[in-house]
Protein backbone atom coordinates (compact mmCIF):
# COMPACT_ATOMS: atom_id res chain seq x y z
CA LYS A 1 -10.61 132.06 132.18
CA ASP A 2 -10.33 131.13 128.45
CA SER A 3 -13.23 133.44 127.55
CA ARG A 4 -11.76 136.23 129.54
CA ALA A 5 -8.42 135.84 127.78
CA ALA A 6 -10.16 136.03 124.41
CA ILE A 7 -11.90 139.33 125.21
CA SER A 8 -9.08 140.86 127.26
CA PRO A 9 -7.23 143.62 125.46
CA TYR A 10 -3.50 143.16 124.67
CA ASP A 11 -1.35 143.95 127.69
CA PRO A 12 2.38 144.40 126.87
CA ALA A 13 3.23 143.72 130.51
CA THR A 14 2.31 140.08 129.96
CA GLU A 15 4.94 139.54 127.24
CA LYS A 16 7.82 137.29 128.04
CA GLN A 17 11.06 139.27 128.12
CA VAL A 18 14.66 138.15 128.06
CA ALA A 19 17.27 139.84 130.22
CA GLY A 20 20.10 141.33 128.16
CA PHE A 21 23.77 140.84 128.79
CA THR A 22 25.12 142.64 131.81
CA PRO A 23 28.10 145.03 131.67
CA GLN A 24 30.21 142.35 133.38
CA GLN A 25 29.29 139.80 130.72
CA GLN A 26 30.10 142.31 127.98
CA GLN A 27 33.44 143.01 129.67
CA ALA A 28 34.09 139.26 129.90
CA PHE A 29 33.35 138.85 126.19
CA SER A 30 35.83 141.63 125.41
CA GLY A 31 38.34 140.06 127.79
CA VAL A 32 38.23 136.75 125.94
CA GLY A 33 39.04 138.57 122.73
CA ALA A 34 41.84 140.52 124.38
CA MET A 35 43.34 137.35 125.84
CA GLN A 36 43.77 135.75 122.44
CA GLY A 37 47.50 135.53 121.78
CA ALA A 38 48.47 137.43 124.94
CA TYR A 39 50.97 134.65 125.68
CA GLN A 40 52.76 135.03 122.34
CA PRO A 41 55.34 137.66 123.36
CA TYR A 42 56.35 135.44 126.28
CA LEU A 43 56.43 132.37 124.09
CA GLY A 44 58.53 134.16 121.47
CA GLU A 45 61.04 135.34 124.04
CA ALA A 46 61.10 131.92 125.70
CA THR A 47 61.77 130.31 122.32
CA ASP A 48 64.66 132.70 121.62
CA MET A 49 66.17 132.12 125.07
CA THR A 50 65.80 128.35 124.81
CA ARG A 51 67.28 128.32 121.32
CA ALA A 52 70.28 130.41 122.45
CA GLY A 53 70.73 128.39 125.65
CA GLY A 54 70.45 125.07 123.84
CA ALA A 55 72.94 125.96 121.11
CA GLY A 56 76.43 124.54 121.38
CA ILE A 57 79.09 126.59 123.08
CA GLN A 58 81.14 128.54 120.53
CA ALA A 59 84.52 130.22 120.86
CA ASP A 60 82.79 133.61 121.18
CA ASP A 61 80.77 132.32 124.14
CA ILE A 62 83.99 131.38 125.93
CA ALA A 63 85.89 134.50 124.85
CA LYS A 64 83.44 136.85 126.52
CA PHE A 65 84.33 135.29 129.89
CA MET A 66 88.11 135.28 129.41
CA ASN A 67 90.05 137.29 131.97
CA PRO A 68 90.99 140.61 130.35
CA PHE A 69 94.12 140.70 132.53
CA GLN A 70 95.34 137.25 131.52
CA ASP A 71 98.10 138.65 129.27
CA GLN A 72 99.34 140.89 132.07
CA ALA A 73 99.35 138.00 134.55
CA LEU A 74 101.13 135.78 132.03
CA SER A 75 103.75 138.48 131.31
CA ALA A 76 104.41 138.98 135.01
CA THR A 77 104.73 135.21 135.56
CA LEU A 78 107.10 134.85 132.60
CA ALA A 79 109.24 137.72 133.93
CA ARG A 80 109.58 135.87 137.26
CA VAL A 81 110.42 132.64 135.41
CA ALA A 82 113.08 134.49 133.37
CA GLU A 83 114.60 135.88 136.58
CA GLN A 84 114.69 132.38 138.13
CA ASN A 85 116.22 130.94 134.97
CA ALA A 86 118.91 133.63 134.97
CA MET A 87 119.70 132.88 138.62
CA GLN A 88 119.90 129.14 137.91
CA THR A 89 122.22 129.79 134.95
CA ARG A 90 124.50 132.05 137.10
CA ASP A 91 124.51 129.46 139.87
CA TYR A 92 125.35 126.70 137.38
CA THR A 93 128.14 128.78 135.83
CA ALA A 94 129.54 129.71 139.26
CA ASN A 95 129.43 126.07 140.35
CA GLN A 96 131.26 124.97 137.19
CA ALA A 97 133.85 127.72 137.67
CA ALA A 98 134.42 126.62 141.26
CA GLN A 99 135.04 123.07 139.99
CA SER A 100 137.24 124.35 137.14
CA GLY A 101 134.79 122.90 134.63
CA LEU A 102 134.14 125.97 132.49
CA GLY A 103 136.38 124.99 129.62
CA GLY A 104 135.19 121.46 128.93
CA SER A 105 132.34 120.10 126.90
CA GLY A 106 130.60 118.95 130.07
CA TYR A 107 129.89 122.58 130.94
CA HIS A 108 128.19 123.22 127.60
CA LEU A 109 126.21 119.95 127.75
CA GLY A 110 125.09 120.71 131.29
CA LYS A 111 124.12 124.26 130.37
CA ALA A 112 122.12 123.00 127.37
CA ASP A 113 120.38 120.47 129.63
CA LEU A 114 119.60 123.21 132.16
CA MET A 115 118.20 125.49 129.44
CA GLY A 116 116.07 122.62 128.07
CA ASN A 117 114.64 121.98 131.55
CA GLN A 118 113.99 125.67 132.01
CA ALA A 119 112.17 125.89 128.65
CA GLN A 120 110.01 122.88 129.56
CA SER A 121 109.16 124.41 132.90
CA ARG A 122 108.32 127.79 131.31
CA ASP A 123 106.14 126.14 128.64
CA ALA A 124 104.33 124.05 131.27
CA THR A 125 103.64 127.21 133.30
CA ILE A 126 102.24 128.99 130.22
CA ALA A 127 100.09 125.99 129.27
CA ASP A 128 98.78 125.63 132.82
CA MET A 129 97.82 129.30 133.09
CA LEU A 130 96.12 129.32 129.68
CA PHE A 131 94.29 126.06 130.40
CA LYS A 132 93.03 127.30 133.75
CA GLY A 133 91.81 130.53 132.15
CA TRP A 134 90.09 128.62 129.36
CA GLN A 135 88.57 126.12 131.80
CA SER A 136 87.22 128.92 133.98
CA SER A 137 85.77 130.72 130.96
CA LEU A 138 84.23 127.49 129.65
CA GLY A 139 82.55 126.93 133.03
CA ALA A 140 81.20 130.48 132.98
CA ALA A 141 79.91 130.03 129.40
CA GLN A 142 78.19 126.77 130.38
CA ALA A 143 76.59 128.47 133.38
CA ASP A 144 75.46 131.30 131.10
CA LYS A 145 73.80 128.81 128.73
CA THR A 146 72.09 127.14 131.69
CA ARG A 147 70.80 130.51 132.91
CA GLY A 148 69.45 131.17 129.41
CA LEU A 149 67.58 127.85 129.39
CA GLN A 150 66.17 128.52 132.84
CA ALA A 151 65.11 132.03 131.84
CA GLY A 152 63.40 130.58 128.76
CA GLN A 153 61.48 128.16 130.94
CA GLN A 154 60.47 130.98 133.27
CA MET A 155 59.30 133.15 130.39
CA ALA A 156 57.20 130.29 129.03
CA GLY A 157 55.76 129.80 132.52
CA LEU A 158 54.96 133.51 132.80
CA GLY A 159 53.15 133.40 129.48
CA GLN A 160 51.13 130.40 130.58
CA LEU A 161 50.41 131.94 133.99
CA GLY A 162 49.37 135.25 132.43
CA SER A 163 47.00 133.45 130.10
CA GLN A 164 45.54 131.36 132.93
CA LEU A 165 45.05 134.37 135.20
CA GLY A 166 43.46 136.35 132.40
CA TYR A 167 40.98 133.59 131.71
CA GLN A 168 40.26 133.28 135.45
CA ASP A 169 39.42 136.98 135.48
CA VAL A 170 37.14 136.50 132.48
CA ALA A 171 35.46 133.53 134.19
CA ALA A 172 34.87 135.59 137.35
CA LEU A 173 33.33 138.42 135.31
CA THR A 174 31.17 135.93 133.45
CA GLN A 175 29.97 134.33 136.67
CA ALA A 176 29.09 137.70 138.21
CA GLY A 177 27.33 138.74 135.01
CA ASN A 178 25.43 135.45 134.84
CA GLN A 179 24.16 135.95 138.39
CA GLN A 180 23.05 139.47 137.58
CA GLN A 181 21.38 138.34 134.36
CA ALA A 182 19.61 135.49 136.19
CA GLN A 183 18.34 137.96 138.79
CA THR A 184 17.10 140.34 136.12
CA GLN A 185 15.45 137.45 134.25
CA SER A 186 13.70 136.34 137.44
CA GLU A 187 12.40 139.87 137.96
CA LEU A 188 11.15 140.06 134.35
CA ASP A 189 9.48 136.63 134.62
CA ALA A 190 7.82 137.59 137.91
CA ALA A 191 6.55 140.87 136.47
CA SER A 192 5.14 139.05 133.42
CA GLN A 193 3.50 136.40 135.62
CA ASN A 194 2.07 139.05 137.92
CA ALA A 195 0.57 140.83 134.91
CA LEU A 196 -1.06 137.58 133.77
CA ASN A 197 -2.50 136.93 137.22
CA GLU A 198 -4.19 140.33 137.43
């Protein structure tokens, strides 16, 4: 067989050949390049949301949840309080007149005491309404910050998931391309071997 090989003319069919990359492999290579940094928009948005959600609560954060009708509700409540105070003052004056106590200093001391009690009650009502409004707005601002943190976590997760799924797609293309390339290589090797055996 050695002597035959030496006098046999060159046959290009006997050359070893290498199978080229398949279209799927080429697509996978492009996909890897395209996936580089694909997570960055999600990461940037997640960072912004986390930063905003993690920042301390400021007056502006609370103010945006304040009841826009609070002043109207407070005015209506104070009008009712003023009416009740006026009725109490009339009742006190009528009671003092019935007891013939309008002329003495006891009347004026009692009226001053009544007015002081009324002012305390009015101020307590105002403070309670304002505190409840502030407390409700603070709770809403805290919930808003929590939602921002959760949204930031979700955005980061979406970025990670998108990257993982993209690379899974690339891996699937690569695997399909590798199988096709291996098949083509086997066919080339068999053809070359067949040419040698002839």
